[in-house]
């Protein structure tokens, strides 16, 4: 294939991708109410506190990927 053939193939594929994305956007707009554009549903959101976790939660845990604290790697 020549460079021109390659560029033509890329252009065709890009045009097809653009058409499919536009079609998906249209389908999504028909299925979802217009309020989803404002963001997620507040009733389904979970608030995560900024306070640190209690360090006692981690007393029995091993360091992931590093093995147990009292053993050595082979």
N, C-alpha and C. Protein backbone atom coordinates (compact mmCIF):
# COMPACT_ATOMS: atom_id res chain seq x y z
N UNK A 1 0.83 -1.19 0.00
CA UNK A 1 0.00 0.00 0.00
C UNK A 1 0.87 1.25 0.00
N UNK A 2 0.40 2.21 -0.69
CA UNK A 2 1.13 3.47 -0.72
C UNK A 2 0.69 4.31 0.47
N UNK A 3 1.43 5.36 0.70
CA UNK A 3 1.10 6.28 1.79
C UNK A 3 -0.28 6.89 1.58
N UNK A 4 -0.61 7.21 0.35
CA UNK A 4 -1.92 7.80 0.04
C UNK A 4 -3.04 6.81 0.34
N UNK A 5 -2.82 5.52 0.02
CA UNK A 5 -3.83 4.50 0.33
C UNK A 5 -4.01 4.37 1.84
N UNK A 6 -2.90 4.40 2.58
CA UNK A 6 -2.97 4.31 4.03
C UNK A 6 -3.74 5.49 4.62
N UNK A 7 -3.45 6.68 4.13
CA UNK A 7 -4.15 7.87 4.63
C UNK A 7 -5.64 7.82 4.30
N UNK A 8 -5.97 7.32 3.14
CA UNK A 8 -7.39 7.20 2.76
C UNK A 8 -8.10 6.20 3.67
N UNK A 9 -7.44 5.09 3.97
CA UNK A 9 -8.03 4.09 4.86
C UNK A 9 -8.23 4.66 6.27
N UNK A 10 -7.26 5.42 6.74
CA UNK A 10 -7.37 6.04 8.06
C UNK A 10 -8.53 7.03 8.07
N UNK A 11 -8.67 7.82 7.03
CA UNK A 11 -9.76 8.80 6.94
C UNK A 11 -11.12 8.10 6.94
N UNK A 12 -11.25 7.00 6.17
CA UNK A 12 -12.51 6.25 6.14
C UNK A 12 -12.84 5.69 7.53
N UNK A 13 -11.84 5.12 8.19
CA UNK A 13 -12.07 4.55 9.52
C UNK A 13 -12.43 5.64 10.53
N UNK A 14 -11.79 6.79 10.43
CA UNK A 14 -12.09 7.90 11.32
C UNK A 14 -13.50 8.42 11.08
N UNK A 15 -13.90 8.53 9.83
CA UNK A 15 -15.25 8.98 9.51
C UNK A 15 -16.29 7.99 10.04
N UNK A 16 -16.01 6.69 9.89
CA UNK A 16 -16.93 5.67 10.41
C UNK A 16 -17.02 5.74 11.93
N UNK A 17 -15.90 5.92 12.60
CA UNK A 17 -15.89 6.04 14.05
C UNK A 17 -16.69 7.26 14.50
N UNK A 18 -16.51 8.37 13.80
CA UNK A 18 -17.24 9.60 14.13
C UNK A 18 -18.75 9.38 13.99
N UNK A 19 -19.17 8.72 12.92
CA UNK A 19 -20.60 8.44 12.73
C UNK A 19 -21.14 7.56 13.85
N UNK A 20 -20.37 6.55 14.24
CA UNK A 20 -20.84 5.64 15.29
C UNK A 20 -20.92 6.34 16.65
N UNK A 21 -19.97 7.20 16.94
CA UNK A 21 -20.00 7.95 18.20
C UNK A 21 -21.20 8.88 18.21
N UNK A 22 -21.46 9.55 17.12
CA UNK A 22 -22.62 10.44 17.05
C UNK A 22 -23.91 9.66 17.23
N UNK A 23 -23.99 8.47 16.65
CA UNK A 23 -25.18 7.64 16.80
C UNK A 23 -25.35 7.21 18.26
N UNK A 24 -24.25 6.83 18.92
CA UNK A 24 -24.32 6.45 20.32
C UNK A 24 -24.75 7.63 21.20
N UNK A 25 -24.24 8.81 20.90
CA UNK A 25 -24.63 10.00 21.66
C UNK A 25 -26.12 10.28 21.50
N UNK A 26 -26.64 10.11 20.30
CA UNK A 26 -28.07 10.33 20.06
C UNK A 26 -28.91 9.31 20.81
N UNK A 27 -28.48 8.04 20.80
CA UNK A 27 -29.21 7.00 21.52
C UNK A 27 -29.18 7.27 23.02
N UNK A 28 -28.05 7.68 23.54
CA UNK A 28 -27.93 7.97 24.96
C UNK A 28 -28.80 9.15 25.35
N UNK A 29 -28.89 10.15 24.49
CA UNK A 29 -29.71 11.32 24.78
C UNK A 29 -31.19 10.95 24.82
N UNK A 30 -31.60 10.01 24.01
CA UNK A 30 -33.00 9.57 24.00
C UNK A 30 -33.33 8.72 25.22
N UNK A 31 -32.37 7.96 25.73
CA UNK A 31 -32.63 7.04 26.83
C UNK A 31 -32.54 7.70 28.19
N UNK A 32 -31.73 8.72 28.33
CA UNK A 32 -31.52 9.36 29.62
C UNK A 32 -32.32 10.64 29.71
N UNK A 33 -32.87 10.93 30.89
CA UNK A 33 -33.53 12.23 31.05
C UNK A 33 -32.49 13.35 31.00
N UNK A 34 -32.95 14.54 30.67
CA UNK A 34 -32.04 15.67 30.48
C UNK A 34 -31.38 16.10 31.79
N UNK A 35 -31.90 15.66 32.94
CA UNK A 35 -31.31 16.07 34.22
C UNK A 35 -29.95 15.42 34.46
N UNK A 36 -29.61 14.35 33.73
CA UNK A 36 -28.32 13.70 33.94
C UNK A 36 -27.17 14.58 33.47
N UNK A 37 -27.44 15.56 32.64
CA UNK A 37 -26.37 16.45 32.19
C UNK A 37 -25.86 17.31 33.34
N UNK A 38 -26.68 17.49 34.38
CA UNK A 38 -26.28 18.31 35.53
C UNK A 38 -25.35 17.56 36.47
N UNK A 39 -25.22 16.26 36.33
CA UNK A 39 -24.33 15.49 37.19
C UNK A 39 -25.02 14.27 37.76
N UNK A 40 -24.33 13.57 38.68
CA UNK A 40 -24.90 12.35 39.24
C UNK A 40 -26.11 12.64 40.13
N UNK A 41 -26.91 11.62 40.34
CA UNK A 41 -28.10 11.74 41.19
C UNK A 41 -27.67 11.90 42.64
N UNK A 42 -27.99 13.02 43.29
CA UNK A 42 -27.55 13.26 44.67
C UNK A 42 -28.03 12.21 45.65
N UNK A 43 -29.17 11.57 45.38
CA UNK A 43 -29.66 10.57 46.31
C UNK A 43 -28.82 9.30 46.31
N UNK A 44 -28.00 9.11 45.29
CA UNK A 44 -27.15 7.91 45.20
C UNK A 44 -25.71 8.20 45.60
N UNK A 45 -25.40 9.43 45.95
CA UNK A 45 -24.03 9.79 46.30
C UNK A 45 -23.74 9.41 47.75
N UNK A 46 -22.51 9.02 48.03
CA UNK A 46 -22.07 8.67 49.37
C UNK A 46 -21.03 9.69 49.81
N UNK A 47 -21.19 10.21 50.99
CA UNK A 47 -20.23 11.18 51.51
C UNK A 47 -19.08 10.43 52.19
N UNK A 48 -17.87 10.76 51.82
CA UNK A 48 -16.68 10.16 52.43
C UNK A 48 -16.04 11.22 53.31
N UNK A 49 -15.88 10.92 54.60
CA UNK A 49 -15.33 11.94 55.50
C UNK A 49 -13.85 12.20 55.22
N UNK A 50 -13.41 13.40 55.55
CA UNK A 50 -12.01 13.78 55.39
C UNK A 50 -11.15 13.37 56.57
N UNK A 51 -11.77 12.93 57.65
CA UNK A 51 -11.01 12.56 58.84
C UNK A 51 -10.23 11.27 58.59
N UNK A 52 -9.04 11.12 59.19
CA UNK A 52 -8.25 9.91 58.99
C UNK A 52 -8.94 8.68 59.61
N UNK A 53 -8.63 7.53 59.05
CA UNK A 53 -9.16 6.29 59.61
C UNK A 53 -8.49 5.99 60.94
N UNK A 54 -9.19 5.25 61.77
CA UNK A 54 -8.64 4.81 63.05
C UNK A 54 -7.49 3.85 62.77
N UNK A 55 -6.30 4.11 63.30
CA UNK A 55 -5.13 3.28 63.01
C UNK A 55 -5.28 1.86 63.55
N UNK A 56 -6.18 1.63 64.50
CA UNK A 56 -6.38 0.28 65.02
C UNK A 56 -6.99 -0.65 63.96
N UNK A 57 -7.56 -0.08 62.90
CA UNK A 57 -8.10 -0.90 61.83
C UNK A 57 -7.01 -1.69 61.10
N UNK A 58 -5.79 -1.22 61.17
CA UNK A 58 -4.70 -1.80 60.38
C UNK A 58 -3.71 -2.59 61.22
N UNK A 59 -3.97 -2.82 62.49
CA UNK A 59 -2.97 -3.46 63.36
C UNK A 59 -2.67 -4.90 62.94
N UNK A 60 -3.62 -5.66 62.44
CA UNK A 60 -3.39 -7.06 62.07
C UNK A 60 -3.07 -7.24 60.59
N UNK A 61 -2.98 -6.17 59.86
CA UNK A 61 -2.81 -6.31 58.41
C UNK A 61 -1.35 -6.45 58.04
N UNK A 62 -1.13 -7.14 56.94
CA UNK A 62 0.20 -7.25 56.35
C UNK A 62 0.31 -6.19 55.27
N UNK A 63 1.52 -5.78 54.96
CA UNK A 63 1.72 -4.85 53.86
C UNK A 63 1.50 -5.61 52.56
N UNK A 64 0.53 -5.16 51.81
CA UNK A 64 0.18 -5.87 50.59
C UNK A 64 1.37 -5.92 49.64
N UNK A 65 1.68 -7.11 49.20
CA UNK A 65 2.77 -7.31 48.26
C UNK A 65 4.13 -7.40 48.93
N UNK A 66 4.23 -7.08 50.22
CA UNK A 66 5.51 -7.15 50.90
C UNK A 66 5.60 -8.33 51.86
N UNK A 67 4.49 -9.02 52.10
CA UNK A 67 4.50 -10.15 52.99
C UNK A 67 4.28 -9.74 54.43
N UNK A 68 4.34 -10.72 55.31
CA UNK A 68 4.12 -10.47 56.73
C UNK A 68 5.31 -9.76 57.33
N UNK A 69 5.06 -8.98 58.37
CA UNK A 69 6.12 -8.19 59.00
C UNK A 69 7.16 -9.06 59.71
N UNK A 70 6.74 -10.22 60.24
CA UNK A 70 7.66 -11.02 61.02
C UNK A 70 8.35 -12.12 60.21
N UNK A 71 8.19 -12.12 58.88
CA UNK A 71 8.83 -13.12 58.04
C UNK A 71 9.70 -12.46 56.98
N UNK A 72 10.67 -13.20 56.50
CA UNK A 72 11.56 -12.69 55.45
C UNK A 72 11.23 -13.33 54.13
N UNK A 73 11.46 -12.62 53.09
CA UNK A 73 11.24 -13.16 51.75
C UNK A 73 12.34 -14.16 51.44
N UNK A 74 12.03 -15.19 50.63
CA UNK A 74 13.07 -16.19 50.29
C UNK A 74 14.18 -15.62 49.47
